[in-house]
N, C-alpha and C. Protein backbone atom coordinates (compact mmCIF):
# COMPACT_ATOMS: atom_id res chain seq x y z
N MET A 1 189.08 111.63 103.57
CA MET A 1 188.26 111.58 104.12
C MET A 1 188.10 111.02 105.32
N THR A 2 186.55 111.63 105.00
CA THR A 2 186.57 111.59 106.53
C THR A 2 185.37 110.10 107.18
N ARG A 3 185.93 110.28 108.53
CA ARG A 3 185.93 108.37 109.35
C ARG A 3 183.97 108.84 109.87
N LEU A 4 183.53 106.98 109.21
CA LEU A 4 182.43 107.03 109.41
C LEU A 4 181.94 105.35 109.54
N ASP A 5 181.17 105.98 110.64
CA ASP A 5 180.99 104.32 111.30
C ASP A 5 180.40 102.81 110.85
N SER A 6 179.92 102.23 111.82
CA SER A 6 179.51 101.10 111.05
C SER A 6 178.19 101.35 111.34
N ILE A 7 177.22 100.21 110.56
CA ILE A 7 175.89 100.47 109.75
C ILE A 7 175.74 99.91 111.23
N GLU A 8 176.42 98.20 111.05
CA GLU A 8 175.88 98.08 112.55
C GLU A 8 175.27 98.24 113.87
N ARG A 9 176.22 99.60 113.97
CA ARG A 9 176.47 100.45 115.13
C ARG A 9 175.55 101.40 115.23
N ALA A 10 175.12 101.53 114.35
CA ALA A 10 174.34 102.40 113.87
C ALA A 10 172.87 101.53 114.09
N ILE A 11 172.67 100.54 113.33
CA ILE A 11 171.41 100.02 113.76
C ILE A 11 170.73 100.07 115.65
N ALA A 12 172.34 99.55 116.20
CA ALA A 12 172.63 98.72 117.22
C ALA A 12 172.05 100.24 117.69
N ASP A 13 172.22 101.25 117.80
CA ASP A 13 172.38 102.34 118.67
C ASP A 13 170.48 102.95 118.72
N ILE A 14 170.13 102.85 117.59
CA ILE A 14 169.30 103.69 117.15
C ILE A 14 167.79 102.72 117.96
N ALA A 15 168.70 101.03 118.04
CA ALA A 15 167.51 100.35 119.33
C ALA A 15 167.11 100.78 120.31
N ALA A 16 168.38 101.44 120.93
CA ALA A 16 168.56 101.24 122.43
C ALA A 16 168.17 103.09 121.99
N GLY A 17 167.44 103.63 121.76
CA GLY A 17 167.10 105.41 121.66
C GLY A 17 168.26 105.77 121.87
N LYS A 18 169.24 105.83 120.60
CA LYS A 18 169.75 106.78 121.31
C LYS A 18 170.03 107.46 118.87
N PRO A 19 170.00 108.50 118.99
CA PRO A 19 170.60 109.23 118.15
C PRO A 19 171.12 109.23 117.21
N VAL A 20 171.58 109.33 115.62
CA VAL A 20 173.10 108.72 115.03
C VAL A 20 172.61 110.63 114.20
N VAL A 21 173.96 110.60 113.22
CA VAL A 21 174.23 111.29 112.56
C VAL A 21 174.47 111.33 111.10
N VAL A 22 173.90 111.22 110.12
CA VAL A 22 173.69 110.59 108.88
C VAL A 22 173.67 111.42 107.45
N ILE A 23 174.50 110.94 107.46
CA ILE A 23 174.91 112.22 105.62
C ILE A 23 174.18 111.57 104.70
N ASP A 24 174.28 112.50 103.38
CA ASP A 24 174.05 111.84 102.33
C ASP A 24 175.06 112.94 101.04
N ASP A 25 174.76 112.32 99.86
CA ASP A 25 176.31 112.77 98.88
C ASP A 25 176.41 114.00 98.90
N GLU A 26 177.74 114.69 98.58
CA GLU A 26 177.39 116.50 98.32
C GLU A 26 176.89 116.88 97.23
N ASP A 27 176.40 115.44 96.13
CA ASP A 27 175.42 116.05 94.99
C ASP A 27 174.44 116.32 95.54
N ARG A 28 173.87 116.04 96.19
CA ARG A 28 172.01 116.03 96.89
C ARG A 28 171.49 117.13 97.79
N GLU A 29 171.51 116.71 99.39
CA GLU A 29 171.98 118.37 100.06
C GLU A 29 172.71 119.04 100.39
N ASN A 30 173.94 117.75 100.13
CA ASN A 30 175.00 117.78 101.39
C ASN A 30 175.33 117.85 102.35
N GLU A 31 174.21 117.81 103.23
CA GLU A 31 174.01 118.12 104.80
C GLU A 31 173.51 116.35 105.59
N GLY A 32 173.59 116.69 107.33
CA GLY A 32 173.54 115.89 108.33
C GLY A 32 172.68 115.39 108.64
N ASP A 33 171.97 114.77 109.48
CA ASP A 33 170.47 115.14 109.41
C ASP A 33 170.83 114.33 110.92
N LEU A 34 170.07 114.46 111.78
CA LEU A 34 169.91 113.68 113.40
C LEU A 34 168.79 112.99 113.85
N ILE A 35 169.07 111.61 114.00
CA ILE A 35 168.05 110.11 113.14
C ILE A 35 168.14 110.14 114.49
N PHE A 36 166.26 109.59 114.93
CA PHE A 36 165.80 108.53 116.09
C PHE A 36 165.21 107.85 115.77
N ALA A 37 164.22 106.89 116.06
CA ALA A 37 163.29 105.92 116.11
C ALA A 37 162.25 106.87 117.17
N ALA A 38 161.08 106.81 116.52
CA ALA A 38 160.46 108.06 117.41
C ALA A 38 159.36 107.35 117.61
N GLU A 39 159.33 106.13 117.66
CA GLU A 39 158.84 105.40 119.03
C GLU A 39 159.42 105.53 120.57
N LYS A 40 161.22 105.24 119.93
CA LYS A 40 161.65 106.05 121.49
C LYS A 40 162.02 107.48 122.27
N ALA A 41 160.61 108.23 120.82
CA ALA A 41 161.32 109.97 121.01
C ALA A 41 161.11 109.95 123.38
N THR A 42 161.48 110.64 123.91
CA THR A 42 161.63 111.47 124.59
C THR A 42 161.66 112.85 125.21
N PRO A 43 161.21 113.59 126.02
CA PRO A 43 161.43 115.39 125.49
C PRO A 43 162.94 115.47 126.25
N GLU A 44 163.94 114.47 126.55
CA GLU A 44 165.45 115.47 126.18
C GLU A 44 165.66 114.01 125.07
N LEU A 45 165.35 113.25 124.03
CA LEU A 45 165.96 113.30 123.08
C LEU A 45 164.98 114.77 122.46
N VAL A 46 164.42 115.41 121.96
CA VAL A 46 163.66 116.06 121.18
C VAL A 46 164.56 116.99 121.53
N ALA A 47 164.68 117.98 122.55
CA ALA A 47 165.16 118.37 123.15
C ALA A 47 166.24 119.07 123.05
N PHE A 48 167.46 118.28 122.88
CA PHE A 48 168.55 117.59 121.71
C PHE A 48 168.68 117.80 120.68
N MET A 49 168.10 117.40 119.97
CA MET A 49 167.79 117.74 118.30
C MET A 49 167.60 119.40 118.29
N VAL A 50 166.72 120.15 119.07
CA VAL A 50 165.95 121.38 118.55
C VAL A 50 167.58 122.29 119.46
N ARG A 51 167.96 121.59 119.93
CA ARG A 51 169.28 122.08 120.55
C ARG A 51 170.46 122.06 118.96
N TYR A 52 170.46 121.40 118.72
CA TYR A 52 171.65 121.38 117.63
C TYR A 52 171.18 121.48 116.27
N THR A 53 169.98 121.56 115.63
CA THR A 53 169.71 121.71 114.46
C THR A 53 168.21 123.06 114.21
N SER A 54 168.15 122.75 112.76
CA SER A 54 167.07 123.49 112.67
C SER A 54 165.47 124.37 113.02
N GLY A 55 165.82 123.27 114.21
CA GLY A 55 163.97 122.66 114.95
C GLY A 55 163.21 122.49 113.80
N TYR A 56 162.84 121.81 113.15
CA TYR A 56 161.48 121.93 112.18
C TYR A 56 161.63 120.48 111.06
N LEU A 57 161.56 119.60 113.13
CA LEU A 57 161.81 118.38 113.14
C LEU A 57 160.63 117.61 112.27
N CYS A 58 160.95 116.51 111.84
CA CYS A 58 160.18 115.70 110.92
C CYS A 58 159.98 114.05 111.75
N VAL A 59 158.68 113.79 111.26
CA VAL A 59 159.29 111.95 111.18
C VAL A 59 158.25 110.68 110.17
N PRO A 60 159.97 110.71 109.35
CA PRO A 60 159.46 109.71 108.42
C PRO A 60 158.57 108.03 108.24
N LEU A 61 157.51 108.04 108.21
CA LEU A 61 157.18 106.78 108.95
C LEU A 61 156.72 106.18 107.70
N ASP A 62 156.38 105.13 107.16
CA ASP A 62 156.00 103.81 106.72
C ASP A 62 154.76 104.42 105.31
N GLY A 63 154.96 104.49 104.05
CA GLY A 63 153.32 104.57 103.76
C GLY A 63 152.01 103.17 103.98
N ALA A 64 152.45 102.63 105.11
CA ALA A 64 150.81 102.15 105.44
C ALA A 64 150.92 102.28 106.81
N ILE A 65 151.47 102.96 107.50
CA ILE A 65 151.10 104.60 108.44
C ILE A 65 150.79 105.23 108.49
N CYS A 66 151.28 105.85 106.76
CA CYS A 66 150.53 106.97 106.17
C CYS A 66 148.71 107.49 105.85
N ASP A 67 148.73 105.52 105.51
CA ASP A 67 147.46 105.40 104.52
C ASP A 67 146.67 104.91 106.11
N ARG A 68 146.97 104.36 107.47
CA ARG A 68 145.44 104.35 108.63
C ARG A 68 145.56 105.30 108.80
N LEU A 69 146.43 106.23 109.42
CA LEU A 69 146.38 107.92 110.17
C LEU A 69 146.02 109.21 108.73
N GLY A 70 145.59 108.51 107.55
CA GLY A 70 144.52 109.17 106.57
C GLY A 70 145.95 110.59 106.00
N LEU A 71 146.47 109.88 106.52
CA LEU A 71 148.21 111.69 106.39
C LEU A 71 148.45 111.66 104.98
N LEU A 72 147.57 112.77 104.49
CA LEU A 72 146.98 113.15 103.32
C LEU A 72 148.40 114.48 102.96
N PRO A 73 148.99 114.02 101.56
CA PRO A 73 150.20 115.29 101.34
C PRO A 73 149.69 116.12 101.66
N MET A 74 150.75 117.47 101.79
CA MET A 74 150.37 118.93 102.38
C MET A 74 149.77 119.93 101.16
N TYR A 75 150.50 118.56 100.03
CA TYR A 75 149.98 119.06 98.72
C TYR A 75 149.37 118.69 97.82
N ALA A 76 148.48 118.40 96.62
CA ALA A 76 148.51 118.10 95.94
C ALA A 76 150.07 117.75 94.64
N VAL A 77 150.52 118.48 94.68
CA VAL A 77 151.04 118.74 93.17
C VAL A 77 152.73 118.76 94.22
N ASN A 78 153.39 117.49 93.72
CA ASN A 78 154.61 117.68 95.43
C ASN A 78 156.07 118.77 94.46
N GLN A 79 155.63 119.70 94.93
CA GLN A 79 157.33 120.82 94.31
C GLN A 79 158.77 120.85 94.83
N ASP A 80 158.50 120.19 95.79
CA ASP A 80 159.73 119.79 96.60
C ASP A 80 161.09 119.47 95.23
N LYS A 81 162.10 120.24 95.34
CA LYS A 81 163.17 119.58 94.36
C LYS A 81 163.80 118.46 94.53
N HIS A 82 163.46 117.67 96.05
CA HIS A 82 164.05 116.65 96.47
C HIS A 82 163.01 115.55 96.75
N GLY A 83 161.81 115.42 95.85
CA GLY A 83 160.38 114.53 96.28
C GLY A 83 160.03 115.12 97.68
N THR A 84 160.34 115.65 98.60
CA THR A 84 160.83 114.88 100.38
C THR A 84 159.14 114.99 100.05
N ALA A 85 158.35 113.66 101.01
CA ALA A 85 157.38 113.56 100.67
C ALA A 85 156.45 114.87 101.83
N TYR A 86 155.56 116.02 102.38
CA TYR A 86 155.50 115.79 102.86
C TYR A 86 153.59 116.03 103.70
N THR A 87 153.63 115.32 104.77
CA THR A 87 151.87 115.34 104.55
C THR A 87 151.44 116.30 105.78
N VAL A 88 149.99 116.71 105.86
CA VAL A 88 149.50 117.85 106.86
C VAL A 88 150.11 117.15 107.56
N THR A 89 150.71 118.85 109.09
CA THR A 89 150.68 118.70 109.93
C THR A 89 150.08 117.71 111.36
N VAL A 90 150.89 117.73 112.56
CA VAL A 90 149.74 117.07 113.36
C VAL A 90 149.58 117.37 114.28
N ASP A 91 149.46 117.26 116.09
CA ASP A 91 149.53 116.88 117.36
C ASP A 91 148.86 116.19 118.24
N ALA A 92 148.99 115.51 118.70
CA ALA A 92 148.13 114.37 119.38
C ALA A 92 147.44 115.20 120.09
N LYS A 93 145.94 114.37 120.25
CA LYS A 93 144.90 115.07 120.43
C LYS A 93 145.37 114.99 122.39
N HIS A 94 145.41 114.40 123.16
CA HIS A 94 146.08 114.00 124.00
C HIS A 94 146.59 113.84 124.96
N GLY A 95 146.49 114.94 126.16
CA GLY A 95 147.75 114.38 126.81
C GLY A 95 149.15 115.18 126.75
N ILE A 96 148.67 116.40 126.01
CA ILE A 96 149.86 117.50 125.29
C ILE A 96 148.99 118.78 125.41
N GLY A 97 150.60 120.24 125.48
CA GLY A 97 149.55 121.61 125.79
C GLY A 97 149.60 121.65 124.97
N THR A 98 149.95 122.84 124.65
CA THR A 98 150.68 123.25 122.79
C THR A 98 150.82 122.38 121.62
N GLY A 99 151.80 121.96 121.67
CA GLY A 99 152.20 120.88 121.36
C GLY A 99 153.65 121.71 120.59
N ILE A 100 153.40 122.45 120.69
CA ILE A 100 155.18 122.57 120.28
C ILE A 100 156.05 122.85 121.78
N SER A 101 155.83 122.06 122.67
CA SER A 101 157.68 121.29 123.96
C SER A 101 157.92 120.22 123.57
N ALA A 102 158.95 119.75 123.82
CA ALA A 102 159.83 119.12 123.36
C ALA A 102 158.78 117.54 124.72
N SER A 103 158.21 118.21 125.22
CA SER A 103 157.29 116.73 125.87
C SER A 103 156.20 116.77 124.71
N ASP A 104 155.42 117.76 124.26
CA ASP A 104 154.23 117.67 123.68
C ASP A 104 155.00 117.02 122.55
N ARG A 105 156.00 117.20 122.05
CA ARG A 105 156.28 116.58 119.95
C ARG A 105 157.06 115.23 120.70
N ALA A 106 157.82 114.88 121.30
CA ALA A 106 157.49 113.36 122.29
C ALA A 106 156.57 112.93 122.51
N THR A 107 155.79 113.08 122.76
CA THR A 107 154.44 112.73 122.85
C THR A 107 153.55 112.32 120.74
N THR A 108 153.37 113.91 120.22
CA THR A 108 153.13 112.71 119.21
C THR A 108 153.71 111.62 118.67
N MET A 109 154.96 112.13 118.45
CA MET A 109 155.92 111.63 117.43
C MET A 109 155.79 109.63 118.41
N ARG A 110 155.71 109.30 119.32
CA ARG A 110 155.17 108.33 119.84
C ARG A 110 153.96 107.98 119.04
N LEU A 111 153.03 108.68 119.39
CA LEU A 111 152.11 108.47 119.14
C LEU A 111 151.89 107.59 116.89
N LEU A 112 152.74 109.08 116.81
CA LEU A 112 153.20 108.62 115.54
C LEU A 112 152.97 107.05 114.89
N ALA A 113 154.11 106.63 115.97
CA ALA A 113 154.96 104.96 116.16
C ALA A 113 154.02 104.21 116.72
N ASP A 114 153.19 104.12 117.09
CA ASP A 114 152.78 102.97 117.93
C ASP A 114 151.16 102.88 116.85
N PRO A 115 151.03 101.42 116.54
CA PRO A 115 150.77 100.71 116.07
C PRO A 115 149.29 100.59 116.32
N ASN A 116 149.07 100.94 117.44
CA ASN A 116 146.73 100.99 117.80
C ASN A 116 146.79 102.20 117.96
N SER A 117 147.66 102.94 116.89
CA SER A 117 146.60 104.46 116.47
C SER A 117 146.02 104.43 115.38
N VAL A 118 145.22 105.76 115.80
CA VAL A 118 144.23 105.77 114.66
C VAL A 118 144.18 107.82 114.52
N ALA A 119 143.82 106.91 112.96
CA ALA A 119 143.45 108.95 112.55
C ALA A 119 142.36 110.06 113.57
N ASP A 120 141.80 109.28 114.44
CA ASP A 120 141.32 110.27 115.31
C ASP A 120 142.22 110.20 116.55
N ASP A 121 143.49 110.25 116.33
CA ASP A 121 144.10 109.89 117.73
C ASP A 121 145.05 111.64 117.47
N PHE A 122 144.75 112.36 116.37
CA PHE A 122 145.02 113.86 116.24
C PHE A 122 144.86 114.47 115.32
N THR A 123 145.13 115.43 116.16
CA THR A 123 144.06 117.08 115.51
C THR A 123 145.66 117.63 113.79
N LYS A 124 145.06 118.25 113.05
CA LYS A 124 145.26 118.78 112.24
C LYS A 124 144.80 120.53 111.65
N PRO A 125 145.56 121.87 111.48
CA PRO A 125 147.29 120.86 112.26
C PRO A 125 147.83 121.10 113.47
N GLY A 126 149.29 120.58 112.97
CA GLY A 126 149.78 120.63 114.04
C GLY A 126 151.16 121.03 113.80
N HIS A 127 151.96 120.34 115.15
CA HIS A 127 153.58 120.72 114.98
C HIS A 127 154.97 120.35 114.89
N VAL A 128 154.33 119.18 114.46
CA VAL A 128 155.31 117.94 114.09
C VAL A 128 154.75 117.20 112.65
N VAL A 129 155.57 117.52 111.64
CA VAL A 129 155.14 117.22 110.52
C VAL A 129 155.71 115.50 110.05
N PRO A 130 154.90 115.63 109.59
CA PRO A 130 154.73 113.69 108.43
C PRO A 130 155.38 113.80 107.07
N LEU A 131 156.25 112.21 107.32
CA LEU A 131 156.74 112.26 106.20
C LEU A 131 156.52 110.78 105.18
N ARG A 132 156.17 111.50 104.12
CA ARG A 132 156.34 110.03 103.48
C ARG A 132 157.24 108.83 103.71
N ALA A 133 158.13 107.97 103.32
CA ALA A 133 158.58 107.23 103.28
C ALA A 133 158.44 106.18 102.12
N LYS A 134 158.92 106.34 100.38
CA LYS A 134 159.04 105.25 99.86
C LYS A 134 159.52 104.80 99.79
N ASP A 135 157.56 103.67 99.07
CA ASP A 135 157.89 101.64 98.93
C ASP A 135 159.71 101.66 99.05
N GLY A 136 160.47 100.27 99.58
CA GLY A 136 162.07 99.70 99.56
C GLY A 136 162.44 100.46 100.20
N GLY A 137 162.62 101.81 100.70
CA GLY A 137 163.92 102.80 101.39
C GLY A 137 164.85 103.23 100.67
N VAL A 138 166.25 102.86 101.71
CA VAL A 138 167.06 103.97 100.80
C VAL A 138 167.47 103.49 99.05
N LEU A 139 167.18 102.44 99.24
CA LEU A 139 167.00 101.83 97.36
C LEU A 139 166.28 102.23 96.38
N ARG A 140 165.86 102.49 96.80
CA ARG A 140 164.19 103.58 95.91
C ARG A 140 164.27 105.00 96.29
N ARG A 141 164.79 105.50 97.53
CA ARG A 141 165.72 106.82 96.86
C ARG A 141 166.00 107.01 98.58
N PRO A 142 167.66 107.91 97.56
CA PRO A 142 168.40 107.91 98.93
C PRO A 142 168.24 109.12 99.28
N GLY A 143 167.38 109.46 100.80
CA GLY A 143 167.43 110.68 101.23
C GLY A 143 167.10 109.84 102.93
N HIS A 144 166.66 110.87 103.86
CA HIS A 144 167.31 111.24 104.74
C HIS A 144 165.79 110.31 105.28
N THR A 145 164.65 110.72 104.88
CA THR A 145 163.40 109.76 105.56
C THR A 145 164.04 108.82 105.25
N GLU A 146 163.44 107.82 104.52
CA GLU A 146 163.87 107.00 103.35
C GLU A 146 164.90 105.83 104.74
N ALA A 147 166.11 106.82 105.03
CA ALA A 147 167.25 105.90 105.83
C ALA A 147 166.66 105.94 107.25
N ALA A 148 166.05 106.86 107.72
CA ALA A 148 165.32 106.77 109.08
C ALA A 148 163.90 105.76 109.38
N VAL A 149 163.69 105.60 108.16
CA VAL A 149 162.68 104.44 107.88
C VAL A 149 163.18 102.95 107.63
N ASP A 150 164.17 102.88 107.39
CA ASP A 150 164.85 101.88 107.36
C ASP A 150 165.85 101.41 107.83
N LEU A 151 166.73 102.96 109.08
CA LEU A 151 167.41 101.93 110.30
C LEU A 151 166.08 101.73 111.56
N ALA A 152 165.49 102.30 111.59
CA ALA A 152 164.36 101.79 112.91
C ALA A 152 163.46 101.11 112.29
N ARG A 153 163.35 99.52 111.11
CA ARG A 153 163.28 98.66 111.19
C ARG A 153 164.29 98.16 111.15
N LEU A 154 165.30 98.23 110.33
CA LEU A 154 166.69 97.12 110.76
C LEU A 154 166.47 96.59 112.10
N ALA A 155 165.89 97.49 112.93
CA ALA A 155 166.45 97.88 114.65
C ALA A 155 165.46 96.73 114.83
N GLY A 156 164.42 96.37 114.19
CA GLY A 156 163.19 95.55 114.98
C GLY A 156 161.61 96.57 115.47
N LEU A 157 162.63 97.77 115.51
CA LEU A 157 160.83 99.03 115.42
C LEU A 157 159.80 99.26 114.43
N GLN A 158 158.90 99.88 115.40
CA GLN A 158 158.07 100.18 114.21
C GLN A 158 159.02 101.54 112.83
N PRO A 159 158.57 100.81 111.60
CA PRO A 159 159.68 101.92 110.50
C PRO A 159 158.63 103.31 111.12
N ALA A 160 159.46 103.88 111.89
CA ALA A 160 158.90 105.41 111.78
C ALA A 160 159.94 106.19 112.59
N GLY A 161 160.81 107.70 112.42
CA GLY A 161 161.70 108.07 113.07
C GLY A 161 161.34 109.05 113.40
N ALA A 162 162.64 110.22 113.42
CA ALA A 162 162.48 111.28 113.65
C ALA A 162 163.44 112.36 112.77
N ILE A 163 163.50 113.23 112.49
CA ILE A 163 165.26 113.55 111.96
C ILE A 163 164.72 115.73 111.81
N CYS A 164 166.24 116.11 111.72
CA CYS A 164 166.14 117.35 111.17
C CYS A 164 168.35 117.41 111.17
N GLU A 165 167.52 118.55 110.77
CA GLU A 165 168.66 118.90 109.57
C GLU A 165 169.44 119.40 110.50
N ILE A 166 171.34 119.15 110.98
CA ILE A 166 172.37 119.64 111.77
C ILE A 166 172.85 121.26 111.57
N VAL A 167 172.88 121.93 112.33
CA VAL A 167 172.82 123.37 111.86
C VAL A 167 174.68 123.73 111.88
N SER A 168 175.63 124.89 111.25
CA SER A 168 176.43 124.65 111.65
C SER A 168 176.72 125.66 113.05
N GLN A 169 177.86 125.41 114.01
CA GLN A 169 178.01 125.65 115.59
C GLN A 169 179.39 127.08 114.87
N LYS A 170 179.79 127.04 113.52
CA LYS A 170 180.84 127.62 113.07
C LYS A 170 180.40 128.79 112.45
N ASP A 171 179.19 128.33 111.00
CA ASP A 171 179.22 129.78 110.62
C ASP A 171 177.00 129.83 110.85
N GLU A 172 177.05 131.36 111.76
CA GLU A 172 175.49 130.73 111.56
C GLU A 172 174.53 131.25 110.34
N GLY A 173 173.68 130.46 110.19
CA GLY A 173 172.76 130.57 109.17
C GLY A 173 172.88 129.29 108.80
N ALA A 174 174.35 128.71 108.43
CA ALA A 174 174.89 127.70 107.59
C ALA A 174 174.30 126.17 107.81
N MET A 175 174.49 125.01 107.38
CA MET A 175 173.78 123.70 107.57
C MET A 175 175.40 123.31 107.58
N ALA A 176 175.77 122.71 108.88
CA ALA A 176 177.09 121.79 109.70
C ALA A 176 177.07 120.81 107.77
N GLN A 177 178.60 121.25 107.77
CA GLN A 177 179.26 120.20 106.92
C GLN A 177 180.05 119.17 107.42
N THR A 178 180.20 118.12 106.60
CA THR A 178 180.94 116.49 107.13
C THR A 178 182.13 116.79 108.71
N GLU A 179 182.75 117.88 108.23
CA GLU A 179 183.81 117.53 108.90
C GLU A 179 183.36 117.65 110.28
N GLU A 180 182.45 119.23 110.31
CA GLU A 180 181.51 119.66 111.90
C GLU A 180 180.36 118.13 111.73
N LEU A 181 180.52 117.60 110.81
CA LEU A 181 179.47 116.57 111.20
C LEU A 181 179.98 115.44 112.49
N ARG A 182 181.53 115.63 111.91
CA ARG A 182 181.91 114.87 112.57
C ARG A 182 182.51 114.67 113.50
N VAL A 183 182.88 116.29 114.34
CA VAL A 183 183.02 116.61 114.90
C VAL A 183 182.47 116.02 116.27
N PHE A 184 180.92 116.88 115.95
CA PHE A 184 179.46 116.87 116.89
C PHE A 184 179.49 115.37 116.82
N ALA A 185 179.78 114.44 115.93
CA ALA A 185 178.67 113.10 116.36
C ALA A 185 180.67 112.82 117.42
N ASP A 186 181.29 112.76 117.32
CA ASP A 186 182.62 112.67 118.32
C ASP A 186 182.19 113.43 120.00
N GLU A 187 181.82 114.21 120.00
CA GLU A 187 182.04 115.10 120.85
C GLU A 187 180.39 114.30 121.85
N HIS A 188 179.23 113.98 121.15
CA HIS A 188 178.01 114.13 121.34
C HIS A 188 178.44 112.23 121.51
N GLY A 189 179.13 111.24 121.00
CA GLY A 189 178.72 109.88 122.00
C GLY A 189 178.62 109.46 120.11
N LEU A 190 177.66 109.82 119.34
CA LEU A 190 177.23 109.32 118.24
C LEU A 190 177.64 108.70 117.51
N ALA A 191 176.99 107.63 116.78
CA ALA A 191 177.71 107.22 115.09
C ALA A 191 177.00 107.92 114.24
N MET A 192 178.24 108.01 113.30
CA MET A 192 178.02 108.30 112.10
C MET A 192 178.34 107.95 110.80
N ILE A 193 176.87 107.50 109.99
CA ILE A 193 176.74 107.03 108.61
C ILE A 193 176.81 107.37 107.45
N SER A 194 176.97 106.91 106.44
CA SER A 194 176.08 107.91 105.18
C SER A 194 175.20 106.63 104.94
N ILE A 195 174.11 107.84 103.49
CA ILE A 195 173.16 106.67 103.25
C ILE A 195 173.61 105.84 102.26
N ALA A 196 175.12 106.07 101.62
CA ALA A 196 175.48 105.83 100.79
C ALA A 196 175.82 104.10 101.13
N ASP A 197 177.01 103.81 102.06
CA ASP A 197 177.37 102.77 103.29
C ASP A 197 175.41 102.75 103.56
N LEU A 198 174.45 102.74 104.21
CA LEU A 198 173.15 102.44 104.25
C LEU A 198 172.51 101.56 102.97
N ILE A 199 173.29 101.99 101.81
CA ILE A 199 172.39 101.15 100.29
C ILE A 199 172.86 100.21 100.56
N GLU A 200 174.41 100.69 100.87
CA GLU A 200 175.26 99.44 100.32
C GLU A 200 175.42 97.87 101.09
N TRP A 201 175.08 98.59 102.31
CA TRP A 201 174.99 97.57 103.52
C TRP A 201 173.95 96.68 102.90
N ARG A 202 172.41 97.28 102.18
CA ARG A 202 170.87 96.71 102.31
C ARG A 202 171.37 95.93 101.08
N ARG A 203 172.39 96.23 100.41
CA ARG A 203 172.42 95.09 98.47
C ARG A 203 172.67 94.49 99.24
N LYS A 204 174.30 94.38 99.93
CA LYS A 204 174.21 92.26 100.38
C LYS A 204 174.06 92.08 101.50
N HIS A 205 173.14 92.80 102.51
CA HIS A 205 172.79 91.77 103.18
C HIS A 205 170.90 90.82 103.58
N GLU A 206 170.59 91.99 102.16
CA GLU A 206 168.86 91.28 101.09
C GLU A 206 169.10 90.96 100.62
N LYS A 207 167.92 90.07 100.61
CA LYS A 207 167.98 89.51 99.22
C LYS A 207 166.70 89.98 98.60
N HIS A 208 166.30 90.60 97.12
CA HIS A 208 166.08 91.75 96.76
C HIS A 208 165.30 90.76 95.32
N VAL A 209 164.20 90.00 95.22
CA VAL A 209 163.62 89.13 94.10
C VAL A 209 162.51 90.38 93.46
N GLU A 210 162.35 90.60 92.19
CA GLU A 210 161.95 90.86 91.28
C GLU A 210 161.29 90.54 91.02
N ARG A 211 159.85 90.37 90.48
CA ARG A 211 158.82 89.83 89.66
C ARG A 211 158.77 90.36 89.01
N VAL A 212 158.93 90.31 87.31
CA VAL A 212 159.02 90.32 86.44
C VAL A 212 157.44 89.74 85.24
N ALA A 213 156.78 88.82 85.44
CA ALA A 213 156.26 88.61 84.34
C ALA A 213 155.21 87.53 85.49
N GLU A 214 154.20 87.43 85.16
CA GLU A 214 153.10 86.55 86.26
C GLU A 214 152.52 85.64 84.91
N ALA A 215 151.47 84.59 85.56
CA ALA A 215 151.74 83.27 84.20
C ALA A 215 150.82 82.41 84.71
N ARG A 216 149.19 82.77 84.19
CA ARG A 216 148.49 81.49 84.92
C ARG A 216 149.09 80.00 84.80
N ILE A 217 149.57 78.97 85.53
CA ILE A 217 150.23 77.64 84.89
C ILE A 217 148.62 77.25 84.30
N PRO A 218 148.23 75.83 83.69
CA PRO A 218 147.61 75.11 83.64
C PRO A 218 147.27 74.47 83.78
N HIS A 219 146.11 73.64 84.64
CA HIS A 219 146.22 72.64 85.44
C HIS A 219 145.34 71.05 84.91
N PRO A 220 144.97 70.01 84.56
CA PRO A 220 144.53 69.33 83.78
C PRO A 220 143.07 69.49 84.31
N PRO A 221 142.05 69.04 83.21
CA PRO A 221 141.12 68.95 84.32
C PRO A 221 140.70 67.41 85.27
N ARG A 222 140.24 68.06 86.75
CA ARG A 222 140.33 67.47 87.67
C ARG A 222 139.09 65.68 87.18
N ARG A 223 139.44 65.25 88.14
CA ARG A 223 138.81 63.20 88.12
C ARG A 223 137.55 63.48 88.36
N VAL A 224 136.49 63.17 88.36
CA VAL A 224 135.82 63.24 89.48
C VAL A 224 135.40 61.56 89.33
N PRO A 225 135.54 61.24 91.01
CA PRO A 225 135.73 59.86 91.09
C PRO A 225 134.49 58.95 91.24
C-alpha cells in the first residue's frame, strides 16, 4: 500500500503556501492533483504547477464566491461524467498582460480568492478556469474540486484553491499513478493525501447536524398589563 501523509500536515502546508498532492479513488479518476490555496498563488507556484501537470489550471471556489462574482456555468447542461462544475473562464481585468503567463494566472487566482473582489474585476473569457465546489465539500462530492476548497478552509484561508492533474514523467501522454505520485511528492518534499482520508478526517473532527423537520411552537397568548 502506498504511504500517505497526515491530513494535519497537508492543512499546515496549505496554510504555509505549499502545494500538496491529493489522490482520489481508483474507481473514480484515479489521478493525483497538485493543489494549493488560491490566495497563496505566486508566479513560482504556478510555474511549478504548469511544469509537472497538464497545464489546464483550475480554481475551485466556494459557491458563495461564484455567486458574488457572477461566475455562471460554462454550459447550461453539465455533461461532464464526474459532474465537475466548470464556470466561464476569467482573467483579471487589470495588472496582467495576455493572461496566460505564470505571473498573470497567479494574479487572477489571487483576485478570485480576494473577498473584496467583484465581478467587474474580471474579463471573460480568460485563461483561468474557475470550478464551483459543492456545498458540504468532500462529504457531498469526493472530488479534487471539493478537496481543494476544504483544505483551504481548514487552513483558515479563503475557500478557494488551485488544482491541476499531475502527468507521468515515465509514460508520455499518461497521467501519473499512485506509486509515481508518491515518488514525485518525496522528491519535492510535498505531502500526499487521499480524498478518502480527508473525508474520514472531516467526519471524525466535525459535528454535522441535519435538520430533519421544522415546526412552529405555539406560544400562550401574551397578557397585556
